[in-house]
N, C-alpha and C. Protein backbone atom coordinates (compact mmCIF):
# COMPACT_ATOMS: atom_id res chain seq x y z
N MET A 1 0.85 -1.05 0.33
CA MET A 1 -0.12 0.15 -0.33
C MET A 1 1.21 1.63 0.13
N GLN A 2 0.65 2.13 -0.78
CA GLN A 2 1.36 3.39 -0.95
C GLN A 2 0.88 4.57 -0.30
N ASP A 3 1.91 5.16 0.58
CA ASP A 3 1.66 6.10 1.47
C ASP A 3 1.31 7.63 0.89
N ASP A 4 -0.17 8.29 0.24
CA ASP A 4 -0.41 9.42 -0.10
C ASP A 4 -0.74 10.37 0.96
N SER A 5 0.17 10.29 1.68
CA SER A 5 -0.20 11.64 2.58
C SER A 5 0.40 12.89 2.05
N PRO A 6 1.75 12.50 1.74
CA PRO A 6 2.38 13.83 0.77
C PRO A 6 1.18 14.39 -0.16
N ASN A 7 0.71 13.66 -1.01
CA ASN A 7 -0.41 14.47 -1.60
C ASN A 7 -1.85 14.65 -1.11
N ARG A 8 -2.24 14.31 -0.20
CA ARG A 8 -2.81 14.59 0.92
C ARG A 8 -2.83 15.97 1.31
N LEU A 9 -1.69 15.91 1.49
CA LEU A 9 -0.67 17.36 2.73
C LEU A 9 -0.91 18.51 1.45
N SER A 10 -0.31 18.46 0.28
CA SER A 10 -0.57 18.71 -0.85
C SER A 10 -1.67 19.86 -1.47
N ASP A 11 -2.64 18.55 -1.88
CA ASP A 11 -3.91 19.11 -1.42
C ASP A 11 -4.49 20.24 -0.35
N SER A 12 -4.21 19.89 0.60
CA SER A 12 -4.36 20.46 1.93
C SER A 12 -4.46 22.22 1.85
N LEU A 13 -2.88 22.59 1.84
CA LEU A 13 -2.19 23.64 1.54
C LEU A 13 -3.21 23.94 0.47
N GLU A 14 -3.19 23.32 -0.60
CA GLU A 14 -3.94 23.98 -1.62
C GLU A 14 -5.06 24.83 -1.61
N THR A 15 -5.82 24.20 -0.53
CA THR A 15 -7.59 24.52 -0.12
C THR A 15 -7.08 25.43 0.85
N LEU A 16 -6.53 25.47 1.82
CA LEU A 16 -5.72 26.02 2.86
C LEU A 16 -5.47 27.94 2.05
N ASN A 17 -4.52 27.87 1.17
CA ASN A 17 -4.28 28.79 0.46
C ASN A 17 -4.54 29.35 -0.22
N ALA A 18 -5.87 28.84 -0.75
CA ALA A 18 -7.11 29.79 -1.53
C ALA A 18 -7.70 29.98 -0.48
N ARG A 19 -7.94 29.61 0.42
CA ARG A 19 -9.16 30.27 1.26
C ARG A 19 -8.58 31.72 1.96
N VAL A 20 -7.19 31.40 1.95
CA VAL A 20 -6.44 32.51 2.53
C VAL A 20 -6.65 33.62 1.56
N ALA A 21 -6.42 33.34 0.38
CA ALA A 21 -6.48 34.34 -1.11
C ALA A 21 -7.74 34.89 -0.50
N ARG A 22 -8.60 34.01 -1.26
CA ARG A 22 -9.96 34.88 -1.02
C ARG A 22 -10.12 35.54 0.23
N LEU A 23 -10.06 35.17 1.33
CA LEU A 23 -10.36 36.30 2.57
C LEU A 23 -9.15 37.43 2.29
N ALA A 24 -7.85 37.78 2.00
CA ALA A 24 -7.18 38.39 2.00
C ALA A 24 -8.07 39.91 0.48
N ILE A 25 -8.37 38.98 0.01
CA ILE A 25 -9.09 39.73 -1.44
C ILE A 25 -9.99 40.47 -1.09
N GLY A 26 -10.57 39.39 -0.26
CA GLY A 26 -12.65 40.40 0.62
C GLY A 26 -12.07 41.40 1.58
N LEU A 27 -10.91 41.09 2.33
CA LEU A 27 -10.78 41.69 3.44
C LEU A 27 -10.24 43.11 2.79
N GLY A 28 -9.36 43.43 1.49
CA GLY A 28 -8.79 44.25 0.88
C GLY A 28 -7.27 44.36 1.52
N VAL A 29 -6.74 43.15 1.76
CA VAL A 29 -5.65 42.83 2.22
C VAL A 29 -4.63 42.36 1.20
N ASP A 30 -3.35 43.28 1.57
CA ASP A 30 -2.59 42.51 0.16
C ASP A 30 -1.04 42.05 0.86
N LEU A 31 -1.94 40.45 0.92
CA LEU A 31 -0.94 39.76 1.56
C LEU A 31 0.90 39.69 0.82
N SER A 32 0.58 40.04 -0.47
CA SER A 32 2.15 40.02 -0.80
C SER A 32 3.33 40.70 -0.66
N ASP A 33 2.75 42.01 0.27
CA ASP A 33 3.50 42.79 0.88
C ASP A 33 4.12 41.89 2.35
N PRO A 34 5.53 41.77 2.60
CA PRO A 34 5.43 41.13 3.76
C PRO A 34 5.21 41.95 5.12
N THR A 35 5.43 43.33 5.16
CA THR A 35 5.13 44.20 6.34
C THR A 35 3.67 43.87 6.47
N VAL A 36 2.76 44.06 5.38
CA VAL A 36 1.02 43.77 5.95
C VAL A 36 0.89 42.32 6.41
N LEU A 37 1.60 41.30 5.95
CA LEU A 37 1.48 39.85 6.63
C LEU A 37 2.07 40.04 8.27
N SER A 38 3.35 40.75 8.24
CA SER A 38 3.88 40.50 9.54
C SER A 38 2.49 41.69 10.54
N LYS A 39 2.07 42.74 10.39
CA LYS A 39 1.12 43.46 10.94
C LYS A 39 0.13 42.61 11.51
N LEU A 40 -0.71 41.58 10.22
CA LEU A 40 -1.58 41.13 10.28
C LEU A 40 -1.32 39.95 11.40
N MET A 41 -0.10 39.35 11.43
CA MET A 41 0.19 38.07 12.69
C MET A 41 0.64 39.02 13.83
N GLN A 42 0.97 40.19 13.80
CA GLN A 42 0.97 40.66 15.44
C GLN A 42 -0.23 41.34 15.81
N GLN A 43 -1.57 41.61 14.94
CA GLN A 43 -2.39 41.86 15.36
C GLN A 43 -2.72 41.20 16.53
N SER A 44 -3.35 41.89 17.53
CA SER A 44 -3.77 41.44 18.64
C SER A 44 -5.13 41.26 18.31
N PRO A 45 -5.77 39.71 18.94
CA PRO A 45 -7.60 39.09 18.17
C PRO A 45 -8.23 40.25 18.49
N HIS A 46 -9.18 40.35 17.64
CA HIS A 46 -10.46 41.27 17.75
C HIS A 46 -11.25 40.65 19.13
N PRO A 47 -11.69 41.91 19.99
CA PRO A 47 -12.61 41.37 21.52
C PRO A 47 -13.96 40.53 21.05
N ALA A 48 -14.25 39.93 22.07
CA ALA A 48 -15.73 39.34 21.88
C ALA A 48 -16.57 40.77 21.57
N VAL A 49 -17.96 39.89 21.08
CA VAL A 49 -18.68 41.07 21.47
C VAL A 49 -19.24 41.08 23.01
N THR A 50 -19.16 41.96 23.44
CA THR A 50 -19.14 42.47 24.79
C THR A 50 -20.71 42.74 25.35
N VAL A 51 -21.35 43.24 24.60
CA VAL A 51 -22.83 44.01 24.38
C VAL A 51 -23.58 43.31 23.73
N ASP A 52 -24.50 42.49 23.90
CA ASP A 52 -25.50 41.87 22.68
C ASP A 52 -26.25 42.99 22.86
N ARG A 53 -26.64 43.13 21.36
CA ARG A 53 -27.62 44.19 20.87
C ARG A 53 -29.15 44.51 21.65
N ARG A 54 -29.47 43.17 22.19
CA ARG A 54 -30.89 42.50 22.71
C ARG A 54 -31.05 43.32 24.28
N MET A 55 -29.67 43.58 24.67
CA MET A 55 -29.40 43.72 26.20
C MET A 55 -28.58 45.30 26.31
N ALA A 56 -28.25 46.34 25.11
CA ALA A 56 -27.99 47.12 24.83
C ALA A 56 -28.80 48.19 25.38
N ALA A 57 -27.91 49.25 26.11
CA ALA A 57 -28.97 50.31 26.32
C ALA A 57 -29.13 51.12 24.58
N PRO A 58 -30.59 51.94 24.77
CA PRO A 58 -30.83 52.83 23.34
C PRO A 58 -29.70 53.15 22.59
N ALA A 59 -28.90 54.09 23.10
CA ALA A 59 -27.73 54.90 23.02
C ALA A 59 -26.34 54.02 22.58
N ALA A 60 -26.07 52.96 23.23
CA ALA A 60 -25.11 52.37 22.99
C ALA A 60 -24.20 51.87 21.64
N HIS A 61 -23.20 51.75 21.43
CA HIS A 61 -22.74 51.34 19.90
C HIS A 61 -22.75 49.87 20.41
N VAL A 62 -23.65 49.31 19.41
CA VAL A 62 -23.36 48.02 19.47
C VAL A 62 -22.82 47.70 18.20
N ALA A 63 -22.19 46.55 18.33
CA ALA A 63 -21.35 45.81 16.96
C ALA A 63 -22.90 45.33 16.30
N THR A 64 -23.15 45.75 14.74
CA THR A 64 -23.70 45.35 13.52
C THR A 64 -23.35 43.62 13.27
N SER A 65 -24.26 42.97 12.53
CA SER A 65 -23.87 41.92 12.08
C SER A 65 -22.73 41.61 11.52
N GLY A 66 -22.51 42.85 10.43
CA GLY A 66 -21.72 43.01 8.94
C GLY A 66 -20.64 43.66 10.07
N GLU A 67 -20.14 44.11 11.18
CA GLU A 67 -18.91 44.45 11.96
C GLU A 67 -18.45 43.10 12.82
N ARG A 68 -19.87 42.36 12.90
CA ARG A 68 -19.15 41.10 13.58
C ARG A 68 -18.66 40.25 12.49
N ARG A 69 -19.30 40.15 11.27
CA ARG A 69 -19.18 38.90 10.18
C ARG A 69 -17.43 39.52 10.19
N VAL A 70 -16.97 40.71 9.41
CA VAL A 70 -15.73 41.07 9.38
C VAL A 70 -14.60 40.95 10.01
N SER A 71 -14.97 41.14 11.67
CA SER A 71 -14.63 40.65 12.88
C SER A 71 -13.93 39.31 12.51
N HIS A 72 -14.93 38.36 12.29
CA HIS A 72 -14.78 36.39 12.07
C HIS A 72 -14.22 36.62 11.56
N LEU A 73 -13.75 37.31 9.54
CA LEU A 73 -13.09 36.89 8.75
C LEU A 73 -11.70 37.65 8.78
N TRP A 74 -11.54 38.47 9.66
CA TRP A 74 -10.42 38.55 10.11
C TRP A 74 -9.59 37.52 11.02
N GLU A 75 -10.26 37.13 12.12
CA GLU A 75 -9.99 36.36 12.83
C GLU A 75 -9.47 34.83 11.91
N GLU A 76 -10.26 34.59 11.29
CA GLU A 76 -10.10 33.19 9.92
C GLU A 76 -8.79 33.60 9.36
N LEU A 77 -8.65 34.57 8.61
CA LEU A 77 -7.68 34.66 8.17
C LEU A 77 -6.42 34.43 8.97
N ARG A 78 -6.50 35.31 10.13
CA ARG A 78 -4.58 35.21 11.02
C ARG A 78 -4.98 33.58 11.27
N GLY A 79 -5.74 33.04 11.79
CA GLY A 79 -5.56 31.33 12.01
C GLY A 79 -5.19 30.61 11.18
N LEU A 80 -5.84 30.98 10.01
CA LEU A 80 -5.36 30.03 8.86
C LEU A 80 -3.75 30.31 8.21
N VAL A 81 -3.41 31.32 8.66
CA VAL A 81 -1.86 31.61 8.14
C VAL A 81 -1.30 31.19 9.57
N THR A 82 -2.07 31.08 10.44
CA THR A 82 -1.27 30.70 11.30
C THR A 82 -0.84 28.95 11.56
N LEU A 83 -2.19 28.55 10.91
CA LEU A 83 -2.51 26.96 10.64
C LEU A 83 -1.53 26.73 9.28
N ARG A 84 -0.96 27.39 8.05
CA ARG A 84 -0.15 26.89 7.60
C ARG A 84 1.38 27.04 7.89
N TYR A 85 1.49 28.13 8.38
CA TYR A 85 2.80 27.51 9.06
C TYR A 85 3.09 26.67 9.85
N HIS A 86 2.39 26.09 10.72
CA HIS A 86 2.39 25.46 11.20
C HIS A 86 2.33 23.82 10.56
N ILE A 87 1.53 23.81 9.79
CA ILE A 87 1.76 22.59 8.93
C ILE A 87 2.99 22.54 8.14
N GLU A 88 3.63 23.75 7.52
CA GLU A 88 4.61 23.93 6.94
C GLU A 88 5.71 23.62 7.55
N THR A 89 6.08 23.89 8.93
CA THR A 89 7.18 23.66 9.87
C THR A 89 7.35 22.22 10.34
N LEU A 90 5.84 20.99 10.35
CA LEU A 90 5.69 19.88 10.23
C LEU A 90 5.97 18.93 9.02
N SER A 91 5.44 19.14 8.17
CA SER A 91 5.96 19.03 6.34
C SER A 91 7.57 19.03 6.42
N VAL A 92 8.29 20.11 6.92
CA VAL A 92 10.00 20.03 6.75
C VAL A 92 10.04 19.12 7.85
N VAL A 93 9.93 18.92 8.78
CA VAL A 93 10.27 17.98 10.23
C VAL A 93 10.16 16.41 9.33
N GLU A 94 8.98 16.64 8.83
CA GLU A 94 8.68 15.06 8.88
C GLU A 94 8.98 14.56 7.16
N ASN A 95 8.79 15.44 6.34
CA ASN A 95 9.41 15.41 4.84
C ASN A 95 10.34 15.61 4.41
N GLY A 96 11.33 16.41 5.07
CA GLY A 96 12.59 17.33 4.66
C GLY A 96 11.91 18.34 3.75
N LEU A 97 13.35 19.22 3.59
CA LEU A 97 13.08 20.42 3.39
C LEU A 97 12.99 20.59 1.87
N ALA A 98 13.66 19.24 1.13
CA ALA A 98 13.46 19.69 -0.29
C ALA A 98 12.07 19.29 -1.08
N ALA A 99 11.40 18.24 -0.27
CA ALA A 99 10.24 17.81 -0.07
C ALA A 99 9.04 19.06 -0.22
N THR A 100 9.20 19.65 0.48
CA THR A 100 8.59 20.58 1.48
C THR A 100 8.57 21.85 0.33
N ARG A 101 9.97 21.89 -0.11
CA ARG A 101 10.28 23.47 -1.17
C ARG A 101 9.01 22.66 -2.43
N GLU A 102 9.48 21.64 -2.84
CA GLU A 102 8.79 21.39 -4.08
C GLU A 102 7.18 20.96 -4.15
N MET A 103 6.96 20.74 -2.83
CA MET A 103 5.32 20.81 -2.62
C MET A 103 4.92 22.12 -2.48
N MET A 104 5.72 23.28 -1.64
CA MET A 104 5.14 24.37 -1.79
C MET A 104 4.95 25.38 -3.04
N VAL A 105 6.43 25.09 -4.06
CA VAL A 105 5.94 25.88 -5.78
C VAL A 105 4.93 25.12 -6.20
N GLN A 106 4.59 24.16 -6.19
CA GLN A 106 3.68 23.31 -7.02
C GLN A 106 2.23 24.01 -6.45
N VAL A 107 2.32 24.12 -5.28
CA VAL A 107 0.91 24.75 -4.63
C VAL A 107 0.64 25.89 -5.13
N HIS A 108 1.86 26.62 -4.85
CA HIS A 108 1.80 28.20 -5.34
C HIS A 108 1.33 28.36 -6.92
N GLN A 109 2.22 27.41 -7.64
CA GLN A 109 1.74 27.40 -8.84
C GLN A 109 0.07 27.19 -9.42
N HIS A 110 -0.03 26.11 -8.90
CA HIS A 110 -1.36 25.84 -9.17
C HIS A 110 -2.59 26.96 -8.47
N LEU A 111 -2.40 27.86 -7.37
CA LEU A 111 -3.31 28.83 -7.28
C LEU A 111 -3.08 29.93 -8.31
N ILE A 112 -1.85 30.03 -8.74
CA ILE A 112 -1.54 31.20 -10.27
C ILE A 112 -2.37 30.12 -11.22
N ASP A 113 -2.50 29.45 -11.26
CA ASP A 113 -2.69 28.59 -12.27
C ASP A 113 -4.30 28.72 -12.12
N GLN A 114 -4.82 28.88 -10.84
CA GLN A 114 -6.60 29.36 -11.07
C GLN A 114 -7.06 30.84 -11.03
N GLY A 115 -5.81 31.62 -11.67
CA GLY A 115 -6.36 33.02 -11.53
C GLY A 115 -5.90 33.83 -9.87
N PHE A 116 -5.60 33.62 -9.48
CA PHE A 116 -5.01 34.42 -8.00
C PHE A 116 -3.50 35.05 -8.33
N LYS A 117 -3.26 36.29 -8.01
CA LYS A 117 -2.17 36.91 -8.53
C LYS A 117 -0.97 36.64 -7.47
N VAL A 118 0.39 36.80 -8.16
CA VAL A 118 1.16 36.16 -6.93
C VAL A 118 1.73 36.63 -5.81
N GLY A 119 1.54 35.93 -4.93
CA GLY A 119 1.49 36.57 -3.34
C GLY A 119 0.28 36.73 -2.94
N ALA A 120 -1.02 36.43 -3.50
CA ALA A 120 -2.31 36.68 -2.72
C ALA A 120 -2.77 35.70 -1.47
N ASP A 121 -1.97 34.81 -1.37
CA ASP A 121 -2.00 34.28 -0.43
C ASP A 121 -0.92 34.20 0.88
N GLY A 122 0.25 34.99 0.65
CA GLY A 122 0.90 35.73 1.62
C GLY A 122 2.30 34.69 1.32
N GLU A 123 2.30 33.54 0.48
CA GLU A 123 3.57 32.80 0.25
C GLU A 123 3.65 33.12 -1.17
N THR A 124 4.86 32.91 -1.57
CA THR A 124 5.41 33.45 -2.69
C THR A 124 6.44 32.07 -2.97
N ALA A 125 6.47 31.47 -4.33
CA ALA A 125 7.42 30.59 -4.48
C ALA A 125 8.39 30.54 -4.44
N GLN A 126 9.05 31.74 -4.70
CA GLN A 126 10.45 32.71 -4.77
C GLN A 126 10.95 32.25 -3.11
N ALA A 127 10.41 32.38 -2.35
CA ALA A 127 10.85 32.39 -0.56
C ALA A 127 11.13 30.56 -0.67
N TRP A 128 10.56 29.77 -0.99
CA TRP A 128 10.75 28.62 -1.11
C TRP A 128 12.09 28.17 -2.00
N ARG A 129 11.93 29.20 -3.18
CA ARG A 129 13.13 28.44 -3.81
C ARG A 129 14.36 29.21 -3.41
N ASP A 130 14.14 29.94 -2.83
CA ASP A 130 15.63 31.04 -2.06
C ASP A 130 16.44 30.10 -1.12
N LEU A 131 15.15 28.84 -0.78
CA LEU A 131 15.88 28.13 0.27
C LEU A 131 16.90 27.37 -0.06
N ASN A 132 17.04 27.12 -1.24
CA ASN A 132 18.66 26.55 -1.66
C ASN A 132 19.71 27.22 -1.62
N ALA A 133 19.54 29.00 -1.73
CA ALA A 133 20.76 29.20 -1.36
C ALA A 133 21.17 29.57 0.49
N LEU A 134 20.56 28.73 1.42
CA LEU A 134 20.73 28.72 2.40
C LEU A 134 22.37 27.80 2.79
N PRO A 135 23.15 28.43 3.70
CA PRO A 135 23.95 27.88 3.98
C PRO A 135 23.85 26.03 4.48
N THR A 136 24.91 25.15 3.85
CA THR A 136 24.67 23.74 3.96
C THR A 136 25.69 23.86 5.51
N GLU A 137 25.44 22.39 5.61
CA GLU A 137 26.28 22.11 6.96
C GLU A 137 27.78 21.93 6.51
N LYS A 138 27.79 21.61 5.40
CA LYS A 138 29.64 21.48 4.88
C LYS A 138 29.80 23.02 5.21
N THR A 139 29.70 23.92 4.62
CA THR A 139 29.73 25.68 4.16
C THR A 139 29.85 26.06 5.49
N ASN A 140 29.17 25.86 6.87
CA ASN A 140 29.05 26.52 8.22
C ASN A 140 30.62 25.98 8.21
N HIS A 141 30.90 24.75 8.05
CA HIS A 141 31.97 24.51 8.96
C HIS A 141 32.98 25.25 8.19
N GLU A 142 33.37 25.54 7.26
CA GLU A 142 34.25 26.00 6.29
C GLU A 142 34.58 27.19 6.75
């Protein structure tokens, strides 16, 4: 029996990255800019609804359902980006850097083939390709 976990992982990451890209587009966030991505990850979580609109005083500002929805979308985006980083880290540990790099470049290319712009999901294939330039143990000891 052949282990198809790398294929399932690749498919899952492709679906995850597509959702991240759609959320970013819907929220008007340019994740291709590393500073924007960094700010997103450093944001504190949006507070839970503190005043239920049915219990609020008439003059109190209560979050509308649209504001709540946007807040939930921001939290989903942050959560999915965090999940993706975790999955990528586990993949490097379990499958190695070369296999993870190849998978991430393929996932990135599939998103572009689906019509997403480069970096819409906050990932760039170039970043994974650039890992080739990292020093090896042999060059570290030289």
